[in-house]
Amino acid sequence: MTVISCFDINLLNMLKINDLVWIKQSDVDAYCWVLGKVVGFTPKRIKCENLTRDYYKDDSFIGNYKPSSVKKLTEEEKKERVKT
């Protein structure tokens, strides 16, 4: 049984589809966070597309992530991304 904390529930309420987020890639490194986009929700997970992976195929890199592995980008971080 998976227990979702109050913090995780608040995060789920804050996120919307197409929001830019940081996704924790624990398969790469314990401290590796990459840019992603929210594409949907399941009862316990957040469906995100990884925007930093190379596209060798037509498939997109969509995965289901624990709420603790997803952080919403701040307004300042969004402005930095738009400038470049």
Protein backbone atom coordinates (compact mmCIF):
# COMPACT_ATOMS: atom_id res chain seq x y z
CA MET A 1 0.00 0.00 0.00
CA THR A 2 1.37 3.41 -0.98
CA VAL A 3 0.88 6.27 1.44
CA ILE A 4 0.64 9.77 -0.03
CA SER A 5 1.71 12.56 2.31
CA CYS A 6 -0.06 15.91 2.72
CA PHE A 7 2.77 17.58 0.79
CA ASP A 8 2.19 15.22 -2.14
CA ILE A 9 -1.56 15.95 -2.14
CA ASN A 10 -0.87 19.71 -2.16
CA LEU A 11 1.49 19.24 -5.11
CA LEU A 12 -1.14 17.28 -7.03
CA ASN A 13 -3.62 20.10 -6.45
CA MET A 14 -1.10 22.71 -7.68
CA LEU A 15 -0.11 20.98 -10.92
CA LYS A 16 -2.00 21.17 -14.18
CA ILE A 17 -1.50 19.48 -17.52
CA ASN A 18 1.26 21.18 -19.58
CA ASP A 19 2.97 22.66 -16.49
CA LEU A 20 6.77 22.63 -16.69
CA VAL A 21 8.32 20.62 -13.87
CA TRP A 22 11.59 19.18 -12.62
CA ILE A 23 11.59 15.37 -12.66
CA LYS A 24 13.92 13.40 -10.41
CA GLN A 25 15.81 10.84 -12.50
CA SER A 26 16.98 8.44 -9.80
CA ASP A 27 18.02 5.90 -12.45
CA VAL A 28 20.77 8.32 -13.54
CA ASP A 29 21.84 9.76 -10.18
CA ALA A 30 20.25 10.35 -6.80
CA TYR A 31 20.51 14.12 -7.36
CA CYS A 32 19.67 14.31 -11.08
CA TRP A 33 16.68 16.54 -11.89
CA VAL A 34 15.63 17.08 -15.52
CA LEU A 35 13.10 19.29 -17.26
CA GLY A 36 9.71 17.78 -17.96
CA LYS A 37 6.08 18.55 -18.72
CA VAL A 38 2.96 17.23 -16.98
CA VAL A 39 0.82 15.24 -19.41
CA GLY A 40 -1.64 13.57 -17.05
CA PHE A 41 -2.37 12.00 -13.69
CA THR A 42 -3.08 8.59 -12.23
CA PRO A 43 -4.54 8.07 -8.74
CA LYS A 44 -1.03 7.84 -7.20
CA ARG A 45 1.38 9.16 -9.82
CA ILE A 46 2.03 12.14 -12.07
CA LYS A 47 2.50 11.40 -15.78
CA CYS A 48 5.35 13.52 -17.14
CA GLU A 49 7.15 13.77 -20.44
CA ASN A 50 10.91 14.02 -20.10
CA LEU A 51 11.95 16.97 -22.29
CA THR A 52 15.70 16.38 -22.04
CA ARG A 53 16.01 12.89 -23.53
CA ASP A 54 17.10 12.49 -27.13
CA TYR A 55 14.39 11.39 -29.49
CA TYR A 56 15.76 8.49 -31.51
CA LYS A 57 12.29 7.22 -32.27
CA ASP A 58 8.88 8.81 -32.72
CA ASP A 59 8.02 7.67 -29.18
CA SER A 60 7.91 10.31 -26.50
CA PHE A 61 9.48 9.68 -23.12
CA ILE A 62 6.47 9.65 -20.81
CA GLY A 63 6.69 8.09 -17.38
CA ASN A 64 4.71 7.88 -14.17
CA TYR A 65 6.51 9.59 -11.29
CA LYS A 66 5.90 9.70 -7.55
CA PRO A 67 4.73 13.15 -6.42
CA SER A 68 7.92 13.44 -4.33
CA SER A 69 9.94 13.12 -7.58
CA VAL A 70 8.22 16.08 -9.27
CA LYS A 71 8.76 19.79 -8.53
CA LYS A 72 6.97 22.63 -10.27
CA LEU A 73 9.20 25.23 -11.92
CA THR A 74 9.14 28.64 -10.25
CA GLU A 75 8.15 31.74 -12.20
CA GLU A 76 11.80 32.83 -12.22
CA GLU A 77 12.92 29.51 -13.68
CA LYS A 78 10.22 29.75 -16.38
CA LYS A 79 11.44 33.23 -17.36
CA GLU A 80 15.01 31.90 -17.66
CA ARG A 81 13.81 29.14 -19.99
CA VAL A 82 11.90 31.58 -22.21
CA LYS A 83 14.92 33.91 -22.61
CA THR A 84 17.19 31.16 -23.97
